Amino acid sequence: MILNSRSSPISSPLGTRVHAVLVRELGFRSSFPAPGRFFGLCSSSLPGLRRGNGETRSRNRSSNHENDGQGSHSLEGEQPLLGFSMLSSEIPWDSGSIWSIMGGYFFCLHIPLSFGGLPVICQILNQPVLDPQTETASLLLLQTLEVTGALALLHYSAKKRYSISSFFQDQHLSEGRSWVKAAGLGLGFLMLVVLLTSLLADRLIGSKDVSNPELREILLSFPLSRVAFFLIYCFITPVLEEAVYRGFLLTSLASAMKWQRAVVISALVFSSAHFSPENFLQLFLIGCVLGSAYCWSGNLTASFAIHSLYNAIVLLVTFSPEN
């Protein structure tokens, strides 16, 4: 996304400094920041529930019996059989158009806006270096355009009887699971992974200087800078990435394969889209945690909450006066 790649197209020295600091401070080139470095931990500990005896499986899910642990919706009056995943086999998009829709988002929205937006603004304003206010406003504009375009693409490519907002609604399948519980467990697990891998990195390759004078200078340059950064990283970007990579891609993949495989593939795409080889593994792990939380709750609000809260925690730590 914006300000988050060593190959970022930010052409001004100021943009380069911001980008470099964000990579160092937030851990990887995404609008989803993370501290430190990641090493090979690739698992999820979100709990799964299995209820029923197999006799109450819904008819409309029988065609997907090969999806181990996949949740199912029961007929009216029947007790549902709950596996780990609550994602439905019916999706709003035609199965044959999944990758073409993903390609349309990637090449028409993601790359032009996230990687080419700031250089275009520099050319329009005829300024080789954007001042902090202009750069912050530009980032906010570009991210808003991308999330608006992505949601419009998913809406108009979906079947008429479906609404994108349904992904943020509770499925009411069990009192034992909810998006709140999934978000809490997922966030706790994600923070544990960050802590353990950061400690491991420090032990193996030594501690790393995380001072951020350049970023602090930009954030303190005008009163609304912090508000703009928190709006971008804690609301706009989580909505964008959860809608695309979990709400659209993971939901579509899980309708045709086991949920575990769908989580892995969607996490791989999520990580690859950031064009950051050095941070590929950590982005993949984060995608697995977010995807598992979404599968378990059946509600995109769970992964959105984890995404947003984690970003907020990292930004608060990064911008705190103690640092």
Protein backbone atom coordinates (compact mmCIF):
# COMPACT_ATOMS: atom_id res chain seq x y z
CA MET A 1 0.00 0.00 0.00
CA ILE A 2 1.08 3.63 0.39
CA LEU A 3 4.33 4.59 2.07
CA ASN A 4 5.30 1.02 2.67
CA SER A 5 7.75 -0.40 0.20
CA ARG A 6 11.41 -0.24 -0.52
CA SER A 7 10.32 -0.20 -4.13
CA SER A 8 7.76 2.50 -3.40
CA PRO A 9 7.28 5.03 -6.16
CA ILE A 10 7.52 7.97 -3.76
CA SER A 11 9.90 10.18 -5.65
CA SER A 12 10.47 12.99 -3.18
CA PRO A 13 13.15 12.84 -0.47
CA LEU A 14 10.49 13.49 2.14
CA GLY A 15 8.39 10.63 0.88
CA THR A 16 11.44 8.39 0.84
CA ARG A 17 12.27 9.29 4.43
CA VAL A 18 8.70 8.63 5.56
CA HIS A 19 8.62 5.34 3.73
CA ALA A 20 11.96 4.22 5.13
CA VAL A 21 10.93 5.08 8.66
CA LEU A 22 7.59 3.32 8.31
CA VAL A 23 9.35 0.20 7.08
CA ARG A 24 11.73 0.37 10.02
CA GLU A 25 9.17 1.37 12.64
CA LEU A 26 6.11 -0.53 11.53
CA GLY A 27 7.92 -3.63 10.37
CA PHE A 28 6.71 -4.09 6.82
CA ARG A 29 5.55 -2.27 3.74
CA SER A 30 1.87 -2.47 4.29
CA SER A 31 -0.69 -0.10 5.59
CA PHE A 32 -0.91 -2.86 8.18
CA PRO A 33 2.12 -2.03 10.37
CA ALA A 34 4.01 -4.46 12.54
CA PRO A 35 7.02 -4.07 14.80
CA GLY A 36 10.28 -5.91 14.56
CA ARG A 37 10.95 -8.93 12.37
CA PHE A 38 9.21 -12.22 11.82
CA PHE A 39 10.55 -15.76 11.66
CA GLY A 40 8.96 -19.06 10.86
CA LEU A 41 5.86 -19.43 13.00
CA CYS A 42 2.93 -20.38 10.84
CA SER A 43 -0.09 -21.51 12.80
CA SER A 44 -3.33 -20.31 14.29
CA SER A 45 -4.73 -21.11 17.72
CA LEU A 46 -8.26 -19.87 17.26
CA PRO A 47 -10.61 -22.46 18.77
CA GLY A 48 -13.05 -24.44 16.68
CA LEU A 49 -16.32 -25.96 17.76
CA ARG A 50 -17.98 -29.11 16.48
CA ARG A 51 -21.56 -29.76 17.43
CA GLY A 52 -24.21 -32.19 16.31
CA ASN A 53 -23.94 -35.81 15.19
CA GLY A 54 -23.73 -35.40 11.44
CA GLU A 55 -27.38 -36.17 10.85
CA THR A 56 -28.43 -32.53 10.79
CA ARG A 57 -26.13 -31.36 8.01
CA SER A 58 -28.02 -29.15 5.61
CA ARG A 59 -28.91 -30.45 2.14
CA ASN A 60 -27.52 -27.37 0.48
CA ARG A 61 -24.10 -28.15 2.03
CA SER A 62 -23.95 -31.83 1.18
CA SER A 63 -22.15 -31.11 -2.06
CA ASN A 64 -19.25 -29.68 -0.05
CA HIS A 65 -18.68 -32.61 2.32
CA GLU A 66 -15.07 -32.77 1.22
CA ASN A 67 -14.39 -29.42 2.92
CA ASP A 68 -13.13 -30.79 6.25
CA GLY A 69 -14.31 -28.67 9.15
CA GLN A 70 -16.40 -26.41 6.94
CA GLY A 71 -19.42 -24.95 8.69
CA SER A 72 -22.92 -25.60 7.43
CA HIS A 73 -26.32 -23.99 7.60
CA SER A 74 -29.15 -26.23 8.74
CA LEU A 75 -32.72 -26.46 7.54
CA GLU A 76 -35.29 -24.52 9.52
CA GLY A 77 -35.86 -26.09 12.91
CA GLU A 78 -32.74 -28.25 12.78
CA GLN A 79 -29.65 -27.93 14.99
CA PRO A 80 -26.71 -26.90 12.79
CA LEU A 81 -23.53 -28.91 12.60
CA LEU A 82 -20.71 -26.51 13.32
CA GLY A 83 -17.13 -27.04 12.22
CA PHE A 84 -14.32 -24.52 12.42
CA SER A 85 -15.34 -22.51 9.38
CA MET A 86 -18.70 -20.77 9.16
CA LEU A 87 -18.27 -19.59 5.57
CA SER A 88 -21.08 -20.49 3.23
CA SER A 89 -20.69 -22.46 0.02
CA GLU A 90 -22.86 -19.89 -1.78
CA ILE A 91 -20.94 -16.79 -2.81
CA PRO A 92 -22.06 -13.51 -4.37
CA TRP A 93 -19.75 -13.84 -7.38
CA ASP A 94 -19.56 -16.28 -10.27
CA SER A 95 -16.86 -18.82 -9.51
CA GLY A 96 -15.36 -18.39 -12.97
CA SER A 97 -14.79 -14.66 -12.51
CA ILE A 98 -12.93 -14.69 -9.18
CA TRP A 99 -9.42 -14.21 -10.51
CA SER A 100 -10.48 -11.76 -13.21
CA ILE A 101 -12.12 -9.57 -10.55
CA MET A 102 -8.99 -9.86 -8.42
CA GLY A 103 -6.85 -8.91 -11.39
CA GLY A 104 -9.07 -5.92 -12.12
CA TYR A 105 -8.63 -4.64 -8.58
CA PHE A 106 -4.91 -5.33 -8.57
CA PHE A 107 -3.97 -3.73 -11.88
CA CYS A 108 -6.61 -0.99 -12.11
CA LEU A 109 -6.73 0.18 -8.50
CA HIS A 110 -4.06 -1.24 -6.21
CA ILE A 111 -0.91 -0.68 -8.27
CA PRO A 112 -1.89 2.68 -9.83
CA LEU A 113 -3.02 4.25 -6.54
CA SER A 114 -0.78 2.61 -3.96
CA PHE A 115 2.41 2.68 -5.99
CA GLY A 116 1.87 5.41 -8.59
CA GLY A 117 -0.33 7.93 -6.82
CA LEU A 118 2.22 10.15 -5.10
CA PRO A 119 4.51 10.58 -8.14
CA VAL A 120 1.48 11.66 -10.19
CA ILE A 121 0.53 14.22 -7.54
CA CYS A 122 4.11 15.52 -7.54
CA GLN A 123 3.91 16.00 -11.30
CA ILE A 124 0.48 17.65 -11.16
CA LEU A 125 1.64 20.11 -8.51
CA ASN A 126 5.02 20.47 -10.23
CA GLN A 127 6.75 19.84 -6.93
CA PRO A 128 9.66 17.41 -6.62
CA VAL A 129 9.17 17.41 -2.84
CA LEU A 130 5.73 17.40 -1.21
CA ASP A 131 5.40 19.26 2.06
CA PRO A 132 4.13 17.19 5.01
CA GLN A 133 0.59 18.57 4.87
CA THR A 134 0.23 17.91 1.15
CA GLU A 135 1.73 14.46 1.43
CA THR A 136 -0.54 13.44 4.30
CA ALA A 137 -3.60 14.76 2.49
CA SER A 138 -2.51 12.94 -0.68
CA LEU A 139 -2.16 9.64 1.17
CA LEU A 140 -5.63 10.06 2.65
CA LEU A 141 -7.09 10.86 -0.77
CA LEU A 142 -5.38 7.94 -2.51
CA GLN A 143 -6.45 5.40 0.10
CA THR A 144 -10.01 6.71 0.04
CA LEU A 145 -10.11 6.39 -3.75
CA GLU A 146 -8.79 2.83 -3.58
CA VAL A 147 -11.24 1.62 -0.95
CA THR A 148 -14.14 3.31 -2.78
CA GLY A 149 -13.15 1.75 -6.09
CA ALA A 150 -12.62 -1.69 -4.56
CA LEU A 151 -16.00 -1.72 -2.81
CA ALA A 152 -17.69 -0.52 -6.00
CA LEU A 153 -15.97 -3.28 -8.00
CA LEU A 154 -17.09 -5.97 -5.55
CA HIS A 155 -20.61 -4.56 -5.40
CA TYR A 156 -21.26 -4.29 -9.14
CA SER A 157 -19.61 -7.63 -9.94
CA ALA A 158 -21.76 -9.48 -7.38
CA LYS A 159 -25.07 -11.13 -8.08
CA LYS A 160 -28.02 -8.82 -7.58
CA ARG A 161 -29.52 -10.59 -4.58
CA TYR A 162 -26.35 -10.22 -2.50
CA SER A 163 -25.08 -7.28 -0.47
CA ILE A 164 -21.45 -6.72 0.50
CA SER A 165 -22.59 -5.51 3.91
CA SER A 166 -23.78 -9.05 4.74
CA PHE A 167 -20.14 -10.02 5.39
CA PHE A 168 -20.19 -7.79 8.47
CA GLN A 169 -23.37 -9.36 9.92
CA ASP A 170 -23.52 -12.04 12.60
CA GLN A 171 -24.49 -15.52 11.41
CA HIS A 172 -26.19 -16.41 14.74
CA LEU A 173 -24.98 -19.98 14.46
CA SER A 174 -23.87 -20.48 18.03
CA GLU A 175 -23.82 -18.67 21.34
CA GLY A 176 -20.32 -20.03 21.86
CA ARG A 177 -18.73 -18.06 19.04
CA SER A 178 -18.94 -14.45 17.96
CA TRP A 179 -16.86 -11.89 16.12
CA VAL A 180 -15.94 -10.31 19.47
CA LYS A 181 -14.47 -13.57 20.78
CA ALA A 182 -12.73 -14.24 17.47
CA ALA A 183 -11.24 -10.74 17.44
CA GLY A 184 -10.00 -11.02 21.01
CA LEU A 185 -8.41 -14.43 20.49
CA GLY A 186 -6.94 -13.46 17.14
CA LEU A 187 -5.45 -10.20 18.41
CA GLY A 188 -3.96 -11.92 21.44
CA PHE A 189 -2.41 -14.64 19.30
CA LEU A 190 -1.07 -12.11 16.81
CA MET A 191 0.56 -10.05 19.56
CA LEU A 192 2.10 -13.22 21.00
CA VAL A 193 3.57 -14.11 17.61
CA VAL A 194 4.99 -10.59 17.24
CA LEU A 195 6.57 -10.76 20.70
CA LEU A 196 8.09 -14.20 20.26
CA THR A 197 9.46 -13.55 16.80
CA SER A 198 10.86 -10.17 17.81
CA LEU A 199 12.65 -11.79 20.77
CA LEU A 200 13.94 -14.52 18.50
CA ALA A 201 15.19 -11.98 15.97
CA ASP A 202 16.99 -10.00 18.67
CA ARG A 203 18.63 -13.18 19.96
CA LEU A 204 19.73 -14.40 16.53
CA ILE A 205 20.82 -11.20 14.77
CA GLY A 206 20.96 -8.63 17.55
CA SER A 207 18.79 -5.71 18.59
CA LYS A 208 17.73 -3.08 16.09
CA ASP A 209 17.57 0.70 16.38
CA VAL A 210 13.96 1.80 16.09
CA SER A 211 14.30 5.55 16.58
CA ASN A 212 11.97 7.60 14.38
CA PRO A 213 12.96 11.30 14.34
CA GLU A 214 11.91 11.82 10.69
CA LEU A 215 8.48 10.31 11.15
CA ARG A 216 7.93 12.21 14.39
CA GLU A 217 8.86 15.44 12.61
CA ILE A 218 6.23 14.84 9.96
CA LEU A 219 3.56 13.79 12.46
CA LEU A 220 4.16 16.89 14.56
CA SER A 221 4.27 19.20 11.56
CA PHE A 222 0.58 20.10 11.83
CA PRO A 223 -2.21 19.23 14.31
CA LEU A 224 -4.25 16.87 12.14
CA SER A 225 -1.36 14.68 11.01
CA ARG A 226 -1.85 12.04 13.69
CA VAL A 227 -5.60 11.98 13.07
CA ALA A 228 -4.99 11.45 9.36
CA PHE A 229 -2.50 8.63 9.96
CA PHE A 230 -4.81 6.83 12.37
CA LEU A 231 -7.72 7.24 9.97
CA ILE A 232 -5.67 5.73 7.15
CA TYR A 233 -4.08 2.86 9.05
CA CYS A 234 -6.86 2.00 11.50
CA PHE A 235 -10.00 2.40 9.39
CA ILE A 236 -9.59 2.93 5.65
CA THR A 237 -6.91 0.33 5.01
CA PRO A 238 -8.45 -2.38 7.25
CA VAL A 239 -11.78 -1.96 5.44
CA LEU A 240 -10.04 -2.16 2.07
CA GLU A 241 -7.83 -5.17 2.74
CA GLU A 242 -10.41 -7.17 4.69
CA ALA A 243 -13.06 -6.63 2.04
CA VAL A 244 -10.74 -7.69 -0.78
CA TYR A 245 -8.55 -10.43 0.69
CA ARG A 246 -10.92 -11.98 3.22
CA GLY A 247 -14.46 -10.92 2.29
CA PHE A 248 -14.00 -11.51 -1.42
CA LEU A 249 -11.03 -13.79 -2.06
CA LEU A 250 -11.14 -16.06 1.00
CA THR A 251 -14.92 -16.43 0.84
CA SER A 252 -14.74 -17.35 -2.83
CA LEU A 253 -11.91 -19.85 -2.40
CA ALA A 254 -13.52 -21.49 0.64
CA SER A 255 -16.61 -22.28 -1.41
CA ALA A 256 -14.56 -24.56 -3.66
CA MET A 257 -11.91 -26.07 -1.36
CA LYS A 258 -11.09 -26.80 2.26
CA TRP A 259 -11.06 -23.70 4.39
CA GLN A 260 -7.46 -24.33 5.50
CA ARG A 261 -6.24 -24.26 1.92
CA ALA A 262 -8.34 -21.18 1.18
CA VAL A 263 -6.79 -19.35 4.14
CA VAL A 264 -3.28 -20.22 2.97
CA ILE A 265 -3.91 -19.13 -0.63
CA SER A 266 -5.58 -15.86 0.37
CA ALA A 267 -2.74 -15.14 2.81
CA LEU A 268 -0.20 -15.77 0.05
CA VAL A 269 -1.99 -13.33 -2.26
CA PHE A 270 -2.29 -10.80 0.58
CA SER A 271 1.44 -11.03 1.28
CA SER A 272 2.46 -10.97 -2.38
CA ALA A 273 0.40 -7.84 -3.05
CA HIS A 274 2.73 -5.83 -0.82
CA PHE A 275 5.79 -6.46 -3.03
CA SER A 276 8.05 -6.85 0.00
CA PRO A 277 10.16 -10.04 -0.19
CA GLU A 278 11.91 -9.35 3.10
CA ASN A 279 8.55 -9.17 4.90
CA PHE A 280 6.72 -11.86 2.94
CA LEU A 281 6.64 -14.39 5.78
CA GLN A 282 5.31 -12.04 8.42
CA LEU A 283 2.59 -10.76 6.10
CA PHE A 284 1.67 -14.34 5.31
CA LEU A 285 1.35 -15.18 9.02
CA ILE A 286 -0.80 -12.13 9.62
CA GLY A 287 -3.02 -13.13 6.70
CA CYS A 288 -3.43 -16.60 8.19
CA VAL A 289 -4.50 -15.19 11.57
CA LEU A 290 -6.97 -12.77 9.98
CA GLY A 291 -8.36 -15.45 7.67
CA SER A 292 -8.80 -17.94 10.50
CA ALA A 293 -10.64 -15.39 12.63
CA TYR A 294 -12.98 -14.65 9.73
CA CYS A 295 -13.62 -18.34 9.04
CA TRP A 296 -14.33 -19.15 12.68
CA SER A 297 -16.73 -16.26 13.25
CA GLY A 298 -18.26 -16.05 9.78
CA ASN A 299 -18.18 -12.27 10.26
CA LEU A 300 -15.72 -9.94 8.56
CA THR A 301 -15.96 -7.61 11.55
CA ALA A 302 -13.65 -10.01 13.44
CA SER A 303 -10.71 -9.71 11.04
CA PHE A 304 -11.38 -5.99 10.61
CA ALA A 305 -11.23 -5.47 14.37
CA ILE A 306 -7.95 -7.41 14.68
CA HIS A 307 -6.46 -5.50 11.76
CA SER A 308 -7.54 -2.11 13.08
CA LEU A 309 -6.66 -2.67 16.75
CA TYR A 310 -3.27 -4.10 15.94
CA ASN A 311 -2.46 -1.13 13.74
CA ALA A 312 -3.63 1.22 16.48
CA ILE A 313 -1.46 -0.47 19.11
CA VAL A 314 1.63 -0.30 16.92
CA LEU A 315 1.01 3.32 15.98
CA LEU A 316 0.45 4.31 19.61
CA VAL A 317 3.70 2.64 20.61
CA THR A 318 5.56 4.18 17.69
CA PHE A 319 4.26 7.69 18.24
CA SER A 320 4.44 7.70 22.05
CA PRO A 321 6.63 10.42 23.61
CA GLU A 322 8.70 7.75 25.38
CA ASN A 323 10.02 6.67 21.99
